[in-house]
Protein backbone atom coordinates (compact mmCIF):
# COMPACT_ATOMS: atom_id res chain seq x y z
CA MET A 1 30.16 -13.39 20.55
CA ALA A 2 27.45 -10.76 21.07
CA SER A 3 26.12 -8.85 18.10
CA LYS A 4 26.47 -5.08 17.95
CA LEU A 5 23.79 -2.77 19.23
CA ASN A 6 21.42 -1.38 16.59
CA VAL A 7 20.82 2.34 17.19
CA PHE A 8 18.51 4.48 15.06
CA VAL A 9 19.82 8.01 14.51
CA ASP A 10 17.28 10.77 13.87
CA ALA A 11 17.91 13.63 11.45
CA ASP A 12 18.56 16.18 14.21
CA VAL A 13 21.37 14.03 15.62
CA ILE A 14 22.95 13.57 12.18
CA PHE A 15 22.70 17.31 11.52
CA ALA A 16 24.28 18.12 14.89
CA GLY A 17 27.07 15.60 14.33
CA ALA A 18 27.87 16.94 10.87
CA ALA A 19 27.67 20.60 11.88
CA SER A 20 29.34 20.30 15.28
CA PRO A 21 32.45 22.43 15.75
CA SER A 22 33.61 19.93 18.38
CA GLU A 23 34.60 16.35 17.77
CA TYR A 24 33.48 15.68 21.36
CA SER A 25 29.81 16.56 20.93
CA ALA A 26 27.57 13.62 21.79
CA SER A 27 26.15 13.48 18.26
CA ASN A 28 29.63 13.40 16.77
CA VAL A 29 30.76 10.74 19.25
CA VAL A 30 27.78 8.52 18.35
CA LEU A 31 28.63 8.79 14.65
CA ARG A 32 32.29 8.00 15.39
CA MET A 33 31.24 4.98 17.47
CA ALA A 34 29.42 3.74 14.38
CA GLU A 35 32.34 4.55 12.10
CA ILE A 36 34.70 2.41 14.19
CA THR A 37 32.00 -0.30 14.33
CA LEU A 38 31.24 -0.22 18.06
CA ILE A 39 27.54 0.14 17.20
CA ASN A 40 25.36 -0.24 14.12
CA ALA A 41 23.97 3.24 13.40
CA ILE A 42 20.87 3.12 11.25
CA THR A 43 18.75 5.89 9.80
CA SER A 44 16.11 6.18 7.11
CA ALA A 45 16.00 7.82 3.71
CA GLN A 46 13.47 10.27 5.22
CA ALA A 47 16.04 11.48 7.76
CA ILE A 48 18.78 11.77 5.14
CA THR A 49 16.52 13.90 2.93
CA GLU A 50 15.69 16.15 5.90
CA VAL A 51 19.35 16.66 6.82
CA GLU A 52 20.33 17.40 3.21
CA ARG A 53 17.53 19.96 2.91
CA ASN A 54 18.48 21.67 6.19
CA LEU A 55 22.20 21.71 5.44
CA THR A 56 21.59 23.09 1.94
CA GLU A 57 19.57 25.94 3.46
CA LYS A 58 21.73 26.67 6.51
CA LEU A 59 25.26 25.26 6.08
CA PRO A 60 25.92 24.22 2.47
CA ALA A 61 29.69 24.04 3.04
CA ILE A 62 29.10 21.08 5.40
CA LEU A 63 27.40 18.91 2.73
CA PRO A 64 30.60 17.06 1.67
CA GLU A 65 31.39 16.16 5.30
CA PHE A 66 27.78 15.06 5.83
CA ARG A 67 27.94 12.75 2.81
CA GLN A 68 31.20 11.28 4.10
CA ILE A 69 29.61 10.65 7.51
CA VAL A 70 26.68 8.88 5.86
CA SER A 71 28.94 6.64 3.79
CA ARG A 72 31.24 5.76 6.71
CA SER A 73 28.87 5.59 9.65
CA LEU A 74 25.25 5.00 8.71
CA LYS A 75 23.16 2.25 7.22
CA VAL A 76 20.24 3.93 5.42
CA VAL A 77 16.96 1.99 5.32
CA ASP A 78 13.89 2.64 3.21
CA ILE A 79 10.94 4.70 4.36
CA PRO A 80 8.22 2.34 5.63
CA LYS A 81 5.13 1.85 3.48
CA PRO A 82 1.94 3.54 4.72
CA GLU A 83 0.41 0.17 5.60
CA ASP A 84 3.40 -0.55 7.87
CA LEU A 85 2.44 2.41 10.08
CA THR A 86 -1.03 1.14 10.95
CA GLY A 87 -0.23 -0.63 14.22
CA TYR A 88 1.84 2.29 15.51
CA TYR A 89 -0.48 5.30 15.23
CA GLY A 90 -0.32 7.43 18.36
CA GLN A 91 3.25 6.41 19.27
CA ALA A 92 4.90 9.43 17.62
CA ASN A 93 3.99 12.74 16.05
CA PRO A 94 2.53 11.96 12.60
CA LYS A 95 5.56 13.41 10.76
CA ASP A 96 7.91 11.29 12.87
CA LEU A 97 5.95 8.03 12.86
CA PRO A 98 7.70 6.65 9.72
CA LEU A 99 11.04 7.18 11.50
CA LEU A 100 9.91 5.21 14.55
CA VAL A 101 8.56 2.39 12.38
CA ALA A 102 11.80 2.33 10.32
CA ALA A 103 13.74 1.95 13.58
CA LEU A 104 11.49 -0.89 14.70
CA GLN A 105 11.75 -2.64 11.33
CA ALA A 106 15.55 -2.42 11.60
CA ASN A 107 15.43 -4.03 15.07
CA CYS A 108 16.92 -1.00 16.81
CA ALA A 109 17.06 -1.10 20.59
CA TYR A 110 17.49 2.68 20.83
CA PHE A 111 16.18 5.70 18.94
CA LEU A 112 18.46 8.73 19.32
CA THR A 113 16.89 12.15 18.97
CA PHE A 114 16.89 15.57 20.60
CA ASN A 115 13.12 15.64 20.09
CA THR A 116 12.25 12.99 22.67
CA ARG A 117 8.86 14.64 23.27
CA HIS A 118 7.84 13.68 19.69
CA PHE A 119 7.98 9.96 20.48
CA PHE A 120 5.84 8.02 22.94
CA PRO A 121 6.10 4.30 22.20
CA LYS A 122 3.85 1.97 24.17
CA ALA A 123 5.43 -0.15 26.88
CA GLU A 124 5.28 -3.24 24.65
CA THR A 125 7.07 -1.46 21.77
CA PRO A 126 10.67 -2.72 21.99
CA ILE A 127 12.59 0.55 21.68
CA ILE A 128 13.99 3.18 24.03
CA ILE A 129 14.01 6.86 23.07
CA LEU A 130 17.22 8.63 24.18
CA ARG A 131 19.20 11.78 23.56
CA PRO A 132 22.66 11.11 22.09
CA GLY A 133 24.38 12.21 25.30
CA GLU A 134 22.52 9.56 27.27
CA LEU A 135 23.87 6.81 25.01
CA VAL A 136 27.41 8.23 25.17
CA GLN A 137 27.23 8.46 28.97
CA THR A 138 26.07 4.82 29.20
CA ALA A 139 28.87 3.70 26.86
CA ARG A 140 31.45 5.57 28.96
CA LEU A 141 30.20 3.90 32.15
CA LEU A 142 30.28 0.46 30.55
CA LEU A 143 33.73 0.94 29.04
CA GLY A 144 35.01 2.43 32.30
CA GLY A 145 34.05 -0.77 34.08
CA LEU A 146 36.10 -2.99 31.78
CA SER A 147 39.34 -4.42 32.99
CA ILE A 148 42.14 -6.00 31.02
CA PRO A 149 42.92 -9.54 32.22
């Protein structure tokens, strides 16, 4: 039996999923895929702090739903130590580098973000940067090709 796909979810995707008025937004669908255990959605404490800060400032009424999403859908990993970042300088904007390293430490195959231009992993770095809609589209194509015996 194959293990589930590890997908790192950036703060902007979590925010969009929590604040989305539509249950069909790509960010919301990714979080629901994790909730029903189709994928392992992973994020870091840094991303959680960022989402909480932004929701408190912009949409405080959404905070309870956000906390429920975190508890049901996300595995939260620690922020990497500064010495863990050393081999990865230049592969992300400095503010975002701990997120990329957290994703790599968690063995994530994909890093979901709307800010794809902030991440530029080297070819030998084993992670693919995608927008949430790209992952959802791929999942739809794969599931659409399944047949029941």
